[in-house]
Protein backbone atom coordinates (compact mmCIF):
# COMPACT_ATOMS: atom_id res chain seq x y z
CA UNK A 1 0.00 0.07 -0.03
CA UNK A 2 1.21 3.50 -0.75
CA UNK A 3 1.62 6.30 1.67
CA UNK A 4 -1.43 8.47 1.76
CA UNK A 5 -1.05 11.83 0.17
CA UNK A 6 -3.63 14.33 1.72
CA UNK A 7 -4.37 15.99 -1.53
CA UNK A 8 -4.81 13.02 -3.88
CA UNK A 9 -8.34 12.48 -5.01
CA UNK A 10 -9.67 9.21 -6.61
CA UNK A 11 -12.53 9.72 -9.18
CA UNK A 12 -15.31 7.06 -9.52
CA UNK A 13 -16.75 6.26 -12.91
CA UNK A 14 -19.98 8.22 -12.47
CA UNK A 15 -18.11 11.49 -12.11
CA UNK A 16 -16.06 10.87 -15.29
CA UNK A 17 -19.11 9.84 -17.16
CA UNK A 18 -21.16 12.90 -16.10
CA UNK A 19 -18.36 15.18 -17.28
CA UNK A 20 -18.61 13.78 -20.72
CA UNK A 21 -22.42 13.25 -20.94
CA UNK A 22 -24.03 15.98 -22.98
CA UNK A 23 -27.43 15.19 -21.35
CA UNK A 24 -26.33 15.28 -17.77
CA UNK A 25 -27.42 18.95 -17.20
CA UNK A 26 -26.10 20.50 -13.97
CA UNK A 27 -24.22 17.32 -13.03
CA UNK A 28 -22.08 17.69 -16.12
CA UNK A 29 -21.04 21.18 -15.09
CA UNK A 30 -20.17 20.02 -11.51
CA UNK A 31 -18.26 16.99 -12.71
CA UNK A 32 -16.33 18.86 -15.46
CA UNK A 33 -15.33 21.56 -12.95
CA UNK A 34 -14.09 19.05 -10.44
CA UNK A 35 -12.08 17.21 -13.10
CA UNK A 36 -10.70 20.48 -14.45
CA UNK A 37 -9.55 21.45 -10.85
CA UNK A 38 -7.99 18.01 -10.36
CA UNK A 39 -6.14 18.34 -13.71
CA UNK A 40 -4.86 21.79 -12.88
CA UNK A 41 -3.72 20.69 -9.45
CA UNK A 42 -2.34 17.39 -10.66
CA UNK A 43 -4.26 15.51 -7.99
CA UNK A 44 -6.57 13.18 -9.89
CA UNK A 45 -6.41 9.30 -9.81
CA UNK A 46 -8.49 6.71 -11.57
CA UNK A 47 -8.01 3.03 -12.00
CA UNK A 48 -8.27 0.74 -15.09
CA UNK A 49 -11.63 -0.37 -13.75
CA UNK A 50 -12.92 3.24 -13.86
CA UNK A 51 -11.76 3.58 -17.38
CA UNK A 52 -13.29 0.29 -18.49
CA UNK A 53 -16.65 1.14 -16.87
CA UNK A 54 -16.55 4.59 -18.40
CA UNK A 55 -15.89 3.18 -21.81
CA UNK A 56 -18.68 0.64 -21.69
CA UNK A 57 -21.26 3.25 -20.42
CA UNK A 58 -20.09 6.07 -22.68
CA UNK A 59 -20.49 3.87 -25.83
CA UNK A 60 -23.70 2.13 -24.85
CA UNK A 61 -25.75 3.62 -22.04
CA UNK A 62 -25.69 7.39 -22.50
CA UNK A 63 -28.77 8.91 -24.10
CA UNK A 64 -26.36 10.49 -26.60
CA UNK A 65 -23.49 7.99 -26.62
CA UNK A 66 -19.94 9.07 -27.49
CA UNK A 67 -18.39 7.77 -30.62
CA UNK A 68 -15.47 5.31 -30.44
CA UNK A 69 -12.85 7.95 -31.19
CA UNK A 70 -14.15 10.30 -28.49
CA UNK A 71 -14.25 7.65 -25.89
CA UNK A 72 -10.75 6.39 -26.87
CA UNK A 73 -9.34 9.85 -26.53
CA UNK A 74 -10.92 10.37 -23.13
CA UNK A 75 -9.61 7.01 -21.84
CA UNK A 76 -6.10 7.86 -23.30
CA UNK A 77 -6.12 11.26 -21.47
CA UNK A 78 -7.37 9.87 -18.14
CA UNK A 79 -4.99 6.96 -18.48
CA UNK A 80 -2.32 9.43 -17.16
CA UNK A 81 -4.20 9.28 -13.86
CA UNK A 82 -3.77 5.48 -13.47
CA UNK A 83 -1.12 4.95 -10.81
CA UNK A 84 -1.35 1.17 -10.30
CA UNK A 85 -2.87 -2.04 -11.66
CA UNK A 86 -4.99 -4.48 -9.61
CA UNK A 87 -3.44 -7.67 -8.29
CA UNK A 88 -4.88 -10.73 -6.63
CA UNK A 89 -4.11 -9.06 -3.31
CA UNK A 90 -5.99 -5.91 -4.54
CA UNK A 91 -9.00 -8.15 -5.32
CA UNK A 92 -8.86 -9.77 -1.89
CA UNK A 93 -8.65 -6.38 -0.29
CA UNK A 94 -11.78 -5.40 -2.12
CA UNK A 95 -13.54 -8.39 -0.67
CA UNK A 96 -12.47 -7.42 2.87
CA UNK A 97 -13.88 -3.94 2.20
CA UNK A 98 -17.08 -5.43 0.79
CA UNK A 99 -17.49 -7.30 4.09
CA UNK A 100 -16.67 -4.32 6.20
CA UNK A 101 -18.73 -1.61 4.50
CA UNK A 102 -21.45 -3.68 2.75
CA UNK A 103 -20.82 -2.06 -0.61
CA UNK A 104 -20.99 -4.08 -3.86
CA UNK A 105 -17.94 -5.93 -5.14
CA UNK A 106 -17.30 -3.34 -7.83
CA UNK A 107 -17.62 -0.34 -5.39
CA UNK A 108 -15.36 -2.19 -2.96
CA UNK A 109 -12.79 -2.47 -5.74
CA UNK A 110 -13.01 1.21 -6.36
CA UNK A 111 -12.30 1.82 -2.55
CA UNK A 112 -9.40 -0.66 -2.61
CA UNK A 113 -8.00 1.16 -5.67
CA UNK A 114 -8.24 4.47 -4.09
CA UNK A 115 -6.63 3.12 -0.86
CA UNK A 116 -3.79 1.49 -2.83
CA UNK A 117 -3.12 4.73 -4.76
CA UNK A 118 -2.74 6.66 -1.58
CA UNK A 119 -5.71 8.89 -2.13
CA UNK A 120 -7.28 10.92 0.73
CA UNK A 121 -10.63 11.56 -0.97
CA UNK A 122 -12.79 9.43 -3.08
CA UNK A 123 -15.33 11.28 -5.27
CA UNK A 124 -18.42 9.20 -5.93
CA UNK A 125 -22.11 9.71 -6.33
CA UNK A 126 -22.80 5.94 -5.47
CA UNK A 127 -21.32 5.80 -1.93
CA UNK A 128 -22.22 7.49 1.40
CA UNK A 129 -21.05 11.20 1.37
CA UNK A 130 -18.81 11.93 4.37
CA UNK A 131 -18.15 8.30 5.18
CA UNK A 132 -14.67 7.36 6.25
CA UNK A 133 -13.36 4.02 5.08
CA UNK A 134 -9.93 2.59 4.50
CA UNK A 135 -8.43 5.91 5.36
CA UNK A 136 -10.47 7.72 2.74
CA UNK A 137 -13.23 10.28 2.95
CA UNK A 138 -16.03 9.76 0.46
CA UNK A 139 -17.37 12.89 -1.07
CA UNK A 140 -20.37 13.31 -3.33
CA UNK A 141 -19.72 16.45 -5.40
CA UNK A 142 -23.37 16.75 -6.27
CA UNK A 143 -24.56 17.39 -2.64
C-alpha cells in the first residue's frame, strides 16, 4: 500500500461519465469543474476499472453515446491518472472492504484502488457522502 497523500483524489466512474455526458445537465457542469480542478492541481487518480466502466457506459448507455474515437481519446487522457494496476491481493482487499462496509464488489474494488493509490478523498455519487473507510473520505460532489 502507498503512503497516503492528503491532496490526492480518486474519481469514481460516475463522475467521469457525467463530465462527458451531454445530457447530464447540472451534473455535467459540476463533474467537469471537479475534473478540471484535479487536472490543474495534478491530484486526480483513476483505475483501469474506472476507465473500463466509463468506456462501456459512454458507448452504450448514455442517451447520446460518445463515438469510439471520442471515448478512446478520453480513456487515453485519463490513463495518465492511473497509478497502479490491480493484483490478486487488491481483489482480496476489495472483498475485505465489501464485508466491512457492505458495498457491492465493484464499489469495494474502487475503494481498494483509491486506498492502494494513496488517495485521501474518493469522489463518488454511489457511496455514502462523508463516510470514512480505509483511510479515505467519500465525497459526493453533487450534494
